[in-house]
């Protein structure tokens, strides 16, 4: 399976379970890997034959900014649902990094895979 990816998408959002987290916006980083057959686009060299990572990034960014979930697990699941239901992909990997959630850890978050490879 071919993979189109979009990594290091930074989005400010309300995310977290603690009272203080519900009052601020935090920056999370999202990595997306999306299973998509690129053969048609490779043959035609036409944008309309591929998955537009610009369209994906705009949709995901808008969703995350307006979300307000408590858990990154819920956010990752919802993003995966958007990718599978609104774009022509069969599989996705969604990684969300919530920097600073654990003192002393550089990275912390979730990584999920949904769909079929």
PDB file of N, CA and C in Angstrom:
ATOM      1  N   UNK A   1       0.834  -1.185   0.000  1.00  0.00           N
ATOM      2  CA  UNK A   1       0.000   0.000   0.000  1.00  0.00           C
ATOM      3  C   UNK A   1       0.878   1.248   0.000  1.00  0.00           C
ATOM      4  N   UNK A   2       0.469   2.209  -0.788  1.00  0.00           N
ATOM      5  CA  UNK A   2       1.165   3.486  -0.817  1.00  0.00           C
ATOM      6  C   UNK A   2       0.701   4.313   0.376  1.00  0.00           C
ATOM      7  N   UNK A   3       1.565   5.182   0.825  1.00  0.00           N
ATOM      8  CA  UNK A   3       1.233   6.033   1.973  1.00  0.00           C
ATOM      9  C   UNK A   3       1.517   7.483   1.628  1.00  0.00           C
ATOM     10  N   UNK A   4       0.511   8.304   1.807  1.00  0.00           N
ATOM     11  CA  UNK A   4       0.689   9.752   1.742  1.00  0.00           C
ATOM     12  C   UNK A   4       0.716  10.216   3.185  1.00  0.00           C
ATOM     13  N   UNK A   5       1.707  11.030   3.523  1.00  0.00           N
ATOM     14  CA  UNK A   5       1.816  11.421   4.923  1.00  0.00           C
ATOM     15  C   UNK A   5       1.858  12.926   5.103  1.00  0.00           C
ATOM     16  N   UNK A   6       1.428  13.319   6.284  1.00  0.00           N
ATOM     17  CA  UNK A   6       1.439  14.711   6.718  1.00  0.00           C
ATOM     18  C   UNK A   6       1.895  14.682   8.163  1.00  0.00           C
ATOM     19  N   UNK A   7       3.082  15.168   8.423  1.00  0.00           N
ATOM     20  CA  UNK A   7       3.660  15.092   9.767  1.00  0.00           C
ATOM     21  C   UNK A   7       3.916  16.483  10.330  1.00  0.00           C
ATOM     22  N   UNK A   8       3.923  16.541  11.639  1.00  0.00           N
ATOM     23  CA  UNK A   8       4.283  17.752  12.388  1.00  0.00           C
ATOM     24  C   UNK A   8       3.288  18.889  12.176  1.00  0.00           C
ATOM     25  N   UNK A   9       1.993  18.542  12.046  1.00  0.00           N
ATOM     26  CA  UNK A   9       0.939  19.545  11.950  1.00  0.00           C
ATOM     27  C   UNK A   9       0.651  20.059  13.361  1.00  0.00           C
ATOM     28  N   UNK A  10       0.955  21.310  13.604  1.00  0.00           N
ATOM     29  CA  UNK A  10       0.769  21.900  14.929  1.00  0.00           C
ATOM     30  C   UNK A  10      -0.567  22.630  14.986  1.00  0.00           C
ATOM     31  N   UNK A  11      -1.350  22.314  16.023  1.00  0.00           N
ATOM     32  CA  UNK A  11      -2.669  22.917  16.172  1.00  0.00           C
ATOM     33  C   UNK A  11      -2.860  23.315  17.637  1.00  0.00           C
ATOM     34  N   UNK A  12      -3.356  24.524  17.856  1.00  0.00           N
ATOM     35  CA  UNK A  12      -3.706  24.983  19.197  1.00  0.00           C
ATOM     36  C   UNK A  12      -5.147  24.600  19.480  1.00  0.00           C
ATOM     37  N   UNK A  13      -5.363  23.974  20.642  1.00  0.00           N
ATOM     38  CA  UNK A  13      -6.714  23.519  20.977  1.00  0.00           C
ATOM     39  C   UNK A  13      -6.864  23.369  22.490  1.00  0.00           C
ATOM     40  N   UNK A  14      -8.115  23.242  22.913  1.00  0.00           N
ATOM     41  CA  UNK A  14      -8.403  22.892  24.300  1.00  0.00           C
ATOM     42  C   UNK A  14      -8.395  21.377  24.365  1.00  0.00           C
ATOM     43  N   UNK A  15      -7.519  20.826  25.192  1.00  0.00           N
ATOM     44  CA  UNK A  15      -7.409  19.375  25.364  1.00  0.00           C
ATOM     45  C   UNK A  15      -6.913  19.099  26.775  1.00  0.00           C
ATOM     46  N   UNK A  16      -7.569  18.191  27.455  1.00  0.00           N
ATOM     47  CA  UNK A  16      -7.102  17.824  28.790  1.00  0.00           C
ATOM     48  C   UNK A  16      -8.239  17.631  29.770  1.00  0.00           C
ATOM     49  N   UNK A  17      -7.910  16.972  30.869  1.00  0.00           N
ATOM     50  CA  UNK A  17      -8.917  16.638  31.874  1.00  0.00           C
ATOM     51  C   UNK A  17      -8.907  17.566  33.079  1.00  0.00           C
ATOM     52  N   UNK A  18      -7.830  18.283  33.298  1.00  0.00           N
ATOM     53  CA  UNK A  18      -7.703  19.126  34.486  1.00  0.00           C
ATOM     54  C   UNK A  18      -8.378  20.478  34.263  1.00  0.00           C
ATOM     55  N   UNK A  19      -8.890  21.045  35.334  1.00  0.00           N
ATOM     56  CA  UNK A  19      -9.599  22.332  35.246  1.00  0.00           C
ATOM     57  C   UNK A  19      -8.773  23.395  34.537  1.00  0.00           C
ATOM     58  N   UNK A  20      -7.491  23.488  34.876  1.00  0.00           N
ATOM     59  CA  UNK A  20      -6.646  24.524  34.271  1.00  0.00           C
ATOM     60  C   UNK A  20      -6.483  24.283  32.767  1.00  0.00           C
ATOM     61  N   UNK A  21      -6.524  23.019  32.327  1.00  0.00           N
ATOM     62  CA  UNK A  21      -6.382  22.719  30.904  1.00  0.00           C
ATOM     63  C   UNK A  21      -7.627  23.129  30.113  1.00  0.00           C
ATOM     64  N   UNK A  22      -8.756  23.175  30.774  1.00  0.00           N
ATOM     65  CA  UNK A  22     -10.004  23.536  30.102  1.00  0.00           C
ATOM     66  C   UNK A  22     -10.098  25.039  29.852  1.00  0.00           C
ATOM     67  N   UNK A  23      -9.173  25.800  30.466  1.00  0.00           N
ATOM     68  CA  UNK A  23      -9.201  27.263  30.361  1.00  0.00           C
ATOM     69  C   UNK A  23      -8.165  27.824  29.392  1.00  0.00           C
ATOM     70  N   UNK A  24      -7.308  26.958  28.863  1.00  0.00           N
ATOM     71  CA  UNK A  24      -6.230  27.421  27.983  1.00  0.00           C
ATOM     72  C   UNK A  24      -6.211  26.613  26.692  1.00  0.00           C
ATOM     73  N   UNK A  25      -5.461  27.105  25.728  1.00  0.00           N
ATOM     74  CA  UNK A  25      -5.188  26.331  24.517  1.00  0.00           C
ATOM     75  C   UNK A  25      -3.768  25.800  24.615  1.00  0.00           C
ATOM     76  N   UNK A  26      -3.607  24.559  24.225  1.00  0.00           N
ATOM     77  CA  UNK A  26      -2.296  23.922  24.196  1.00  0.00           C
ATOM     78  C   UNK A  26      -1.979  23.548  22.744  1.00  0.00           C
ATOM     79  N   UNK A  27      -0.711  23.544  22.420  1.00  0.00           N
ATOM     80  CA  UNK A  27      -0.294  23.140  21.081  1.00  0.00           C
ATOM     81  C   UNK A  27      -0.023  21.642  21.073  1.00  0.00           C
ATOM     82  N   UNK A  28      -0.715  20.943  20.191  1.00  0.00           N
ATOM     83  CA  UNK A  28      -0.438  19.529  19.975  1.00  0.00           C
ATOM     84  C   UNK A  28       0.161  19.383  18.588  1.00  0.00           C
ATOM     85  N   UNK A  29       0.835  18.258  18.372  1.00  0.00           N
ATOM     86  CA  UNK A  29       1.402  17.955  17.070  1.00  0.00           C
ATOM     87  C   UNK A  29       0.760  16.673  16.561  1.00  0.00           C
ATOM     88  N   UNK A  30       0.349  16.693  15.313  1.00  0.00           N
ATOM     89  CA  UNK A  30      -0.337  15.556  14.713  1.00  0.00           C
ATOM     90  C   UNK A  30       0.471  15.040  13.532  1.00  0.00           C
ATOM     91  N   UNK A  31       0.659  13.721  13.489  1.00  0.00           N
ATOM     92  CA  UNK A  31       1.259  13.043  12.341  1.00  0.00           C
ATOM     93  C   UNK A  31       0.198  12.141  11.733  1.00  0.00           C
ATOM     94  N   UNK A  32       0.033  12.224  10.428  1.00  0.00           N
ATOM     95  CA  UNK A  32      -0.944  11.400   9.719  1.00  0.00           C
ATOM     96  C   UNK A  32      -0.239  10.602   8.633  1.00  0.00           C
ATOM     97  N   UNK A  33      -0.487   9.302   8.607  1.00  0.00           N
ATOM     98  CA  UNK A  33      -0.065   8.424   7.519  1.00  0.00           C
ATOM     99  C   UNK A  33      -1.348   7.837   6.943  1.00  0.00           C
ATOM    100  N   UNK A  34      -1.528   7.960   5.639  1.00  0.00           N
ATOM    101  CA  UNK A  34      -2.798   7.570   5.021  1.00  0.00           C
ATOM    102  C   UNK A  34      -2.558   6.644   3.835  1.00  0.00           C
ATOM    103  N   UNK A  35      -3.178   5.475   3.882  1.00  0.00           N
ATOM    104  CA  UNK A  35      -3.058   4.511   2.797  1.00  0.00           C
ATOM    105  C   UNK A  35      -3.879   4.939   1.597  1.00  0.00           C
ATOM    106  N   UNK A  36      -3.199   5.156   0.485  1.00  0.00           N
ATOM    107  CA  UNK A  36      -3.858   5.659  -0.720  1.00  0.00           C
ATOM    108  C   UNK A  36      -3.104   5.143  -1.943  1.00  0.00           C
ATOM    109  N   UNK A  37      -3.808   4.585  -2.885  1.00  0.00           N
ATOM    110  CA  UNK A  37      -3.192   4.078  -4.114  1.00  0.00           C
ATOM    111  C   UNK A  37      -2.823   5.264  -5.009  1.00  0.00           C
ATOM    112  N   UNK A  38      -1.531   5.518  -5.170  1.00  0.00           N
ATOM    113  CA  UNK A  38      -1.085   6.691  -5.931  1.00  0.00           C
ATOM    114  C   UNK A  38      -0.809   6.395  -7.404  1.00  0.00           C
ATOM    115  N   UNK A  39      -1.068   5.175  -7.853  1.00  0.00           N
ATOM    116  CA  UNK A  39      -0.720   4.819  -9.238  1.00  0.00           C
ATOM    117  C   UNK A  39      -1.402   5.707 -10.280  1.00  0.00           C
ATOM    118  N   UNK A  40      -2.683   6.018 -10.071  1.00  0.00           N
ATOM    119  CA  UNK A  40      -3.388   6.865 -11.040  1.00  0.00           C
ATOM    120  C   UNK A  40      -2.756   8.254 -11.098  1.00  0.00           C
ATOM    121  N   UNK A  41      -2.451   8.818  -9.944  1.00  0.00           N
ATOM    122  CA  UNK A  41      -1.816  10.144  -9.898  1.00  0.00           C
ATOM    123  C   UNK A  41      -0.412  10.107 -10.496  1.00  0.00           C
ATOM    124  N   UNK A  42       0.304   9.025 -10.250  1.00  0.00           N
ATOM    125  CA  UNK A  42       1.654   8.903 -10.800  1.00  0.00           C
ATOM    126  C   UNK A  42       1.614   8.841 -12.329  1.00  0.00           C
ATOM    127  N   UNK A  43       0.586   8.205 -12.864  1.00  0.00           N
ATOM    128  CA  UNK A  43       0.467   8.102 -14.320  1.00  0.00           C
ATOM    129  C   UNK A  43      -0.004   9.412 -14.947  1.00  0.00           C
ATOM    130  N   UNK A  44      -0.955  10.091 -14.281  1.00  0.00           N
ATOM    131  CA  UNK A  44      -1.551  11.296 -14.880  1.00  0.00           C
ATOM    132  C   UNK A  44      -0.816  12.586 -14.522  1.00  0.00           C
ATOM    133  N   UNK A  45      -0.124  12.569 -13.395  1.00  0.00           N
ATOM    134  CA  UNK A  45       0.545  13.771 -12.882  1.00  0.00           C
ATOM    135  C   UNK A  45      -0.460  14.888 -12.606  1.00  0.00           C
ATOM    136  N   UNK A  46      -1.692  14.485 -12.213  1.00  0.00           N
ATOM    137  CA  UNK A  46      -2.772  15.443 -11.989  1.00  0.00           C
ATOM    138  C   UNK A  46      -3.200  15.433 -10.522  1.00  0.00           C
ATOM    139  N   UNK A  47      -3.341  16.618  -9.954  1.00  0.00           N
ATOM    140  CA  UNK A  47      -3.722  16.762  -8.548  1.00  0.00           C
ATOM    141  C   UNK A  47      -5.041  16.076  -8.233  1.00  0.00           C
ATOM    142  N   UNK A  48      -5.996  16.150  -9.141  1.00  0.00           N
ATOM    143  CA  UNK A  48      -7.314  15.562  -8.865  1.00  0.00           C
ATOM    144  C   UNK A  48      -7.279  14.033  -8.754  1.00  0.00           C
ATOM    145  N   UNK A  49      -6.165  13.419  -9.110  1.00  0.00           N
ATOM    146  CA  UNK A  49      -6.041  11.963  -9.020  1.00  0.00           C
ATOM    147  C   UNK A  49      -5.333  11.485  -7.755  1.00  0.00           C
ATOM    148  N   UNK A  50      -5.065  12.400  -6.862  1.00  0.00           N
ATOM    149  CA  UNK A  50      -4.370  12.008  -5.638  1.00  0.00           C
ATOM    150  C   UNK A  50      -5.109  12.528  -4.415  1.00  0.00           C
ATOM    151  N   UNK A  51      -4.612  12.207  -3.275  1.00  0.00           N
ATOM    152  CA  UNK A  51      -5.141  12.703  -2.013  1.00  0.00           C
ATOM    153  C   UNK A  51      -4.455  14.035  -1.718  1.00  0.00           C
ATOM    154  N   UNK A  52      -5.236  15.075  -1.594  1.00  0.00           N
ATOM    155  CA  UNK A  52      -4.681  16.402  -1.348  1.00  0.00           C
ATOM    156  C   UNK A  52      -4.363  16.566   0.135  1.00  0.00           C
ATOM    157  N   UNK A  53      -3.080  16.587   0.459  1.00  0.00           N
ATOM    158  CA  UNK A  53      -2.731  16.768   1.868  1.00  0.00           C
ATOM    159  C   UNK A  53      -3.071  18.165   2.345  1.00  0.00           C
ATOM    160  N   UNK A  54      -3.220  19.110   1.420  1.00  0.00           N
ATOM    161  CA  UNK A  54      -3.681  20.439   1.805  1.00  0.00           C
ATOM    162  C   UNK A  54      -5.132  20.368   2.296  1.00  0.00           C
ATOM    163  N   UNK A  55      -5.978  19.652   1.562  1.00  0.00           N
ATOM    164  CA  UNK A  55      -7.371  19.493   1.986  1.00  0.00           C
ATOM    165  C   UNK A  55      -7.463  18.737   3.309  1.00  0.00           C
ATOM    166  N   UNK A  56      -6.644  17.701   3.446  1.00  0.00           N
ATOM    167  CA  UNK A  56      -6.632  16.935   4.702  1.00  0.00           C
ATOM    168  C   UNK A  56      -6.206  17.832   5.859  1.00  0.00           C
ATOM    169  N   UNK A  57      -5.141  18.586   5.676  1.00  0.00           N
ATOM    170  CA  UNK A  57      -4.646  19.423   6.777  1.00  0.00           C
ATOM    171  C   UNK A  57      -5.657  20.491   7.171  1.00  0.00           C
ATOM    172  N   UNK A  58      -6.313  21.111   6.194  1.00  0.00           N
ATOM    173  CA  UNK A  58      -7.320  22.130   6.511  1.00  0.00           C
ATOM    174  C   UNK A  58      -8.485  21.525   7.292  1.00  0.00           C
ATOM    175  N   UNK A  59      -8.946  20.353   6.868  1.00  0.00           N
ATOM    176  CA  UNK A  59     -10.087  19.712   7.536  1.00  0.00           C
ATOM    177  C   UNK A  59      -9.728  19.301   8.961  1.00  0.00           C
ATOM    178  N   UNK A  60      -8.577  18.663   9.126  1.00  0.00           N
ATOM    179  CA  UNK A  60      -8.160  18.201  10.451  1.00  0.00           C
ATOM    180  C   UNK A  60      -7.891  19.389  11.367  1.00  0.00           C
ATOM    181  N   UNK A  61      -7.196  20.391  10.883  1.00  0.00           N
ATOM    182  CA  UNK A  61      -6.896  21.566  11.700  1.00  0.00           C
ATOM    183  C   UNK A  61      -8.179  22.258  12.166  1.00  0.00           C
ATOM    184  N   UNK A  62      -9.127  22.457  11.286  1.00  0.00           N
ATOM    185  CA  UNK A  62     -10.392  23.102  11.660  1.00  0.00           C
ATOM    186  C   UNK A  62     -11.135  22.270  12.703  1.00  0.00           C
ATOM    187  N   UNK A  63     -11.159  20.953  12.514  1.00  0.00           N
ATOM    188  CA  UNK A  63     -11.834  20.074  13.467  1.00  0.00           C
ATOM    189  C   UNK A  63     -11.183  20.147  14.850  1.00  0.00           C
ATOM    190  N   UNK A  64      -9.868  20.050  14.892  1.00  0.00           N
ATOM    191  CA  UNK A  64      -9.150  20.034  16.168  1.00  0.00           C
ATOM    192  C   UNK A  64      -9.323  21.359  16.903  1.00  0.00           C
ATOM    193  N   UNK A  65      -9.226  22.471  16.187  1.00  0.00           N
ATOM    194  CA  UNK A  65      -9.388  23.781  16.817  1.00  0.00           C
ATOM    195  C   UNK A  65     -10.735  23.930  17.495  1.00  0.00           C
ATOM    196  N   UNK A  66     -11.775  23.316  16.931  1.00  0.00           N
ATOM    197  CA  UNK A  66     -13.130  23.433  17.463  1.00  0.00           C
ATOM    198  C   UNK A  66     -13.526  22.290  18.396  1.00  0.00           C
ATOM    199  N   UNK A  67     -12.630  21.346  18.663  1.00  0.00           N
ATOM    200  CA  UNK A  67     -13.018  20.112  19.352  1.00  0.00           C
ATOM    201  C   UNK A  67     -13.226  20.269  20.858  1.00  0.00           C
ATOM    202  N   UNK A  68     -12.188  20.391  21.650  1.00  0.00           N
ATOM    203  CA  UNK A  68     -12.327  20.519  23.096  1.00  0.00           C
ATOM    204  C   UNK A  68     -12.475  19.209  23.848  1.00  0.00           C
ATOM    205  N   UNK A  69     -11.912  18.122  23.353  1.00  0.00           N
ATOM    206  CA  UNK A  69     -11.995  16.831  24.032  1.00  0.00           C
ATOM    207  C   UNK A  69     -11.137  16.806  25.290  1.00  0.00           C
ATOM    208  N   UNK A  70     -11.451  15.884  26.169  1.00  0.00           N
ATOM    209  CA  UNK A  70     -10.651  15.683  27.373  1.00  0.00           C
ATOM    210  C   UNK A  70      -9.422  14.829  27.089  1.00  0.00           C
ATOM    211  N   UNK A  71      -9.583  13.798  26.272  1.00  0.00           N
ATOM    212  CA  UNK A  71      -8.509  12.836  26.043  1.00  0.00           C
ATOM    213  C   UNK A  71      -7.979  12.888  24.610  1.00  0.00           C
ATOM    214  N   UNK A  72      -6.665  12.732  24.464  1.00  0.00           N
ATOM    215  CA  UNK A  72      -6.084  12.647  23.128  1.00  0.00           C
ATOM    216  C   UNK A  72      -6.539  11.363  22.439  1.00  0.00           C
ATOM    217  N   UNK A  73      -6.880  10.346  23.209  1.00  0.00           N
ATOM    218  CA  UNK A  73      -7.397   9.111  22.627  1.00  0.00           C
ATOM    219  C   UNK A  73      -8.676   9.376  21.831  1.00  0.00           C
ATOM    220  N   UNK A  74      -9.573  10.150  22.400  1.00  0.00           N
ATOM    221  CA  UNK A  74     -10.832  10.499  21.723  1.00  0.00           C
ATOM    222  C   UNK A  74     -10.557  11.339  20.477  1.00  0.00           C
ATOM    223  N   UNK A  75      -9.662  12.303  20.604  1.00  0.00           N
ATOM    224  CA  UNK A  75      -9.318  13.155  19.477  1.00  0.00           C
ATOM    225  C   UNK A  75      -8.733  12.333  18.331  1.00  0.00           C
ATOM    226  N   UNK A  76      -7.825  11.419  18.639  1.00  0.00           N
ATOM    227  CA  UNK A  76      -7.217  10.578  17.604  1.00  0.00           C
ATOM    228  C   UNK A  76      -8.271   9.730  16.898  1.00  0.00           C
ATOM    229  N   UNK A  77      -9.187   9.164  17.668  1.00  0.00           N
ATOM    230  CA  UNK A  77     -10.248   8.329  17.086  1.00  0.00           C
ATOM    231  C   UNK A  77     -11.136   9.140  16.146  1.00  0.00           C
ATOM    232  N   UNK A  78     -11.478  10.348  16.546  1.00  0.00           N
ATOM    233  CA  UNK A  78     -12.328  11.200  15.716  1.00  0.00           C
ATOM    234  C   UNK A  78     -11.607  11.622  14.432  1.00  0.00           C
ATOM    235  N   UNK A  79     -10.330  11.935  14.532  1.00  0.00           N
ATOM    236  CA  UNK A  79      -9.551  12.288  13.335  1.00  0.00           C
ATOM    237  C   UNK A  79      -9.494  11.106  12.380  1.00  0.00           C
ATOM    238  N   UNK A  80      -9.255   9.912  12.903  1.00  0.00           N
ATOM    239  CA  UNK A  80      -9.225   8.715  12.058  1.00  0.00           C
ATOM    240  C   UNK A  80     -10.565   8.532  11.344  1.00  0.00           C
ATOM    241  N   UNK A  81     -11.652   8.767  12.046  1.00  0.00           N
ATOM    242  CA  UNK A  81     -12.977   8.663  11.440  1.00  0.00           C
ATOM    243  C   UNK A  81     -13.169   9.640  10.299  1.00  0.00           C
ATOM    244  N   UNK A  82     -12.712  10.860  10.483  1.00  0.00           N
ATOM    245  CA  UNK A  82     -12.793  11.864   9.417  1.00  0.00           C
ATOM    246  C   UNK A  82     -12.003  11.402   8.192  1.00  0.00           C
ATOM    247  N   UNK A  83     -10.790  10.939   8.412  1.00  0.00           N
ATOM    248  CA  UNK A  83      -9.951  10.513   7.286  1.00  0.00           C
ATOM    249  C   UNK A  83     -10.585   9.360   6.524  1.00  0.00           C
ATOM    250  N   UNK A  84     -11.103   8.373   7.245  1.00  0.00           N
ATOM    251  CA  UNK A  84     -11.677   7.195   6.596  1.00  0.00           C
ATOM    252  C   UNK A  84     -13.016   7.482   5.925  1.00  0.00           C
ATOM    253  N   UNK A  85     -13.796   8.372   6.504  1.00  0.00           N
ATOM    254  CA  UNK A  85     -15.141   8.625   5.991  1.00  0.00           C
ATOM    255  C   UNK A  85     -15.227   9.743   4.959  1.00  0.00           C
ATOM    256  N   UNK A  86     -14.322  10.707   5.024  1.00  0.00           N
ATOM    257  CA  UNK A  86     -14.424  11.863   4.131  1.00  0.00           C
ATOM    258  C   UNK A  86     -13.404  11.879   2.995  1.00  0.00           C
ATOM    259  N   UNK A  87     -12.374  11.068   3.123  1.00  0.00           N
ATOM    260  CA  UNK A  87     -11.344  11.015   2.085  1.00  0.00           C
ATOM    261  C   UNK A  87     -11.252   9.579   1.584  1.00  0.00           C
ATOM    262  N   UNK A  88     -10.773   9.393   0.400  1.00  0.00           N
ATOM    263  CA  UNK A  88     -10.750   8.063  -0.221  1.00  0.00           C
ATOM    264  C   UNK A  88      -9.540   7.249   0.229  1.00  0.00           C
ATOM    265  N   UNK A  89      -9.459   6.993   1.521  1.00  0.00           N
ATOM    266  CA  UNK A  89      -8.370   6.176   2.037  1.00  0.00           C
ATOM    267  C   UNK A  89      -8.950   4.927   2.690  1.00  0.00           C
ATOM    268  N   UNK A  90      -8.128   3.892   2.773  1.00  0.00           N
ATOM    269  CA  UNK A  90      -8.579   2.628   3.365  1.00  0.00           C
ATOM    270  C   UNK A  90      -7.956   2.395   4.735  1.00  0.00           C
ATOM    271  N   UNK A  91      -6.894   3.104   5.031  1.00  0.00           N
ATOM    272  CA  UNK A  91      -6.142   2.881   6.262  1.00  0.00           C
ATOM    273  C   UNK A  91      -5.498   4.192   6.692  1.00  0.00           C
ATOM    274  N   UNK A  92      -5.388   4.387   7.987  1.00  0.00           N
ATOM    275  CA  UNK A  92      -4.662   5.563   8.470  1.00  0.00           C
ATOM    276  C   UNK A  92      -3.979   5.266   9.803  1.00  0.00           C
ATOM    277  N   UNK A  93      -2.932   6.009  10.031  1.00  0.00           N
ATOM    278  CA  UNK A  93      -2.230   6.018  11.315  1.00  0.00           C
ATOM    279  C   UNK A  93      -2.275   7.466  11.793  1.00  0.00           C
ATOM    280  N   UNK A  94      -2.759   7.666  13.016  1.00  0.00           N
ATOM    281  CA  UNK A  94      -2.869   8.997  13.591  1.00  0.00           C
ATOM    282  C   UNK A  94      -2.035   9.020  14.865  1.00  0.00           C
ATOM    283  N   UNK A  95      -1.101   9.952  14.913  1.00  0.00           N
ATOM    284  CA  UNK A  95      -0.260  10.118  16.105  1.00  0.00           C
ATOM    285  C   UNK A  95      -0.472  11.530  16.621  1.00  0.00           C
ATOM    286  N   UNK A  96      -0.790  11.627  17.910  1.00  0.00           N
ATOM    287  CA  UNK A  96      -0.956  12.934  18.541  1.00  0.00           C
ATOM    288  C   UNK A  96       0.056  13.045  19.665  1.00  0.00           C
ATOM    289  N   UNK A  97       0.822  14.114  19.623  1.00  0.00           N
ATOM    290  CA  UNK A  97       1.838  14.373  20.633  1.00  0.00           C
ATOM    291  C   UNK A  97       1.395  15.581  21.462  1.00  0.00           C
ATOM    292  N   UNK A  98       1.242  15.353  22.756  1.00  0.00           N
ATOM    293  CA  UNK A  98       0.856  16.421  23.681  1.00  0.00           C
ATOM    294  C   UNK A  98       2.086  16.747  24.541  1.00  0.00           C
ATOM    295  N   UNK A  99       2.947  17.557  23.982  1.00  0.00           N
ATOM    296  CA  UNK A  99       4.195  17.923  24.648  1.00  0.00           C
ATOM    297  C   UNK A  99       3.925  18.457  26.050  1.00  0.00           C
ATOM    298  N   UNK A 100       4.762  18.084  26.991  1.00  0.00           N
ATOM    299  CA  UNK A 100       4.670  18.647  28.330  1.00  0.00           C
ATOM    300  C   UNK A 100       3.625  18.011  29.224  1.00  0.00           C
ATOM    301  N   UNK A 101       2.941  16.989  28.768  1.00  0.00           N
ATOM    302  CA  UNK A 101       1.906  16.367  29.595  1.00  0.00           C
ATOM    303  C   UNK A 101       2.499  15.587  30.765  1.00  0.00           C
ATOM    304  N   UNK A 102       3.738  15.136  30.612  1.00  0.00           N
ATOM    305  CA  UNK A 102       4.424  14.406  31.683  1.00  0.00           C
ATOM    306  C   UNK A 102       5.775  15.064  31.903  1.00  0.00           C
ATOM    307  N   UNK A 103       5.989  15.525  33.117  1.00  0.00           N
ATOM    308  CA  UNK A 103       7.262  16.181  33.445  1.00  0.00           C
ATOM    309  C   UNK A 103       8.423  15.234  33.171  1.00  0.00           C
ATOM    310  N   UNK A 104       9.416  15.728  32.473  1.00  0.00           N
ATOM    311  CA  UNK A 104      10.608  14.952  32.176  1.00  0.00           C
ATOM    312  C   UNK A 104      10.542  14.179  30.866  1.00  0.00           C
ATOM    313  N   UNK A 105       9.376  14.099  30.251  1.00  0.00           N
ATOM    314  CA  UNK A 105       9.228  13.378  28.987  1.00  0.00           C
ATOM    315  C   UNK A 105       9.202  14.380  27.837  1.00  0.00           C
ATOM    316  N   UNK A 106       9.952  14.103  26.794  1.00  0.00           N
ATOM    317  CA  UNK A 106       9.955  14.980  25.633  1.00  0.00           C
ATOM    318  C   UNK A 106       8.702  14.835  24.793  1.00  0.00           C
ATOM    319  N   UNK A 107       8.256  13.615  24.615  1.00  0.00           N
ATOM    320  CA  UNK A 107       7.078  13.335  23.805  1.00  0.00           C
ATOM    321  C   UNK A 107       6.120  12.467  24.626  1.00  0.00           C
ATOM    322  N   UNK A 108       4.844  12.727  24.483  1.00  0.00           N
ATOM    323  CA  UNK A 108       3.826  11.889  25.121  1.00  0.00           C
ATOM    324  C   UNK A 108       2.544  12.006  24.311  1.00  0.00           C
ATOM    325  N   UNK A 109       1.852  10.899  24.114  1.00  0.00           N
ATOM    326  CA  UNK A 109       0.628  10.949  23.332  1.00  0.00           C
ATOM    327  C   UNK A 109       0.125   9.581  22.972  1.00  0.00           C
ATOM    328  N   UNK A 110      -0.577   9.514  21.845  1.00  0.00           N
ATOM    329  CA  UNK A 110      -1.142   8.255  21.373  1.00  0.00           C
ATOM    330  C   UNK A 110      -0.838   8.057  19.898  1.00  0.00           C
ATOM    331  N   UNK A 111      -0.857   6.796  19.490  1.00  0.00           N
ATOM    332  CA  UNK A 111      -0.683   6.408  18.098  1.00  0.00           C
ATOM    333  C   UNK A 111      -1.707   5.312  17.828  1.00  0.00           C
ATOM    334  N   UNK A 112      -2.612   5.563  16.869  1.00  0.00           N
ATOM    335  CA  UNK A 112      -3.610   4.556  16.530  1.00  0.00           C
ATOM    336  C   UNK A 112      -3.568   4.272  15.039  1.00  0.00           C
ATOM    337  N   UNK A 113      -4.024   3.084  14.669  1.00  0.00           N
ATOM    338  CA  UNK A 113      -4.179   2.703  13.275  1.00  0.00           C
ATOM    339  C   UNK A 113      -5.600   2.215  13.092  1.00  0.00           C
ATOM    340  N   UNK A 114      -6.237   2.657  12.020  1.00  0.00           N
ATOM    341  CA  UNK A 114      -7.615   2.261  11.726  1.00  0.00           C
ATOM    342  C   UNK A 114      -7.732   1.939  10.253  1.00  0.00           C
ATOM    343  N   UNK A 115      -8.679   1.072   9.922  1.00  0.00           N
ATOM    344  CA  UNK A 115      -8.892   0.659   8.550  1.00  0.00           C
ATOM    345  C   UNK A 115      -8.166  -0.636   8.244  1.00  0.00           C
ATOM    346  N   UNK A 116      -8.078  -0.945   6.960  1.00  0.00           N
ATOM    347  CA  UNK A 116      -7.420  -2.189   6.536  1.00  0.00           C
ATOM    348  C   UNK A 116      -6.282  -1.872   5.579  1.00  0.00           C
ATOM    349  N   UNK A 117      -5.187  -2.546   5.778  1.00  0.00           N
ATOM    350  CA  UNK A 117      -4.032  -2.330   4.910  1.00  0.00           C
ATOM    351  C   UNK A 117      -4.082  -3.197   3.693  1.00  0.00           C
TER     352      UNK A 117
END
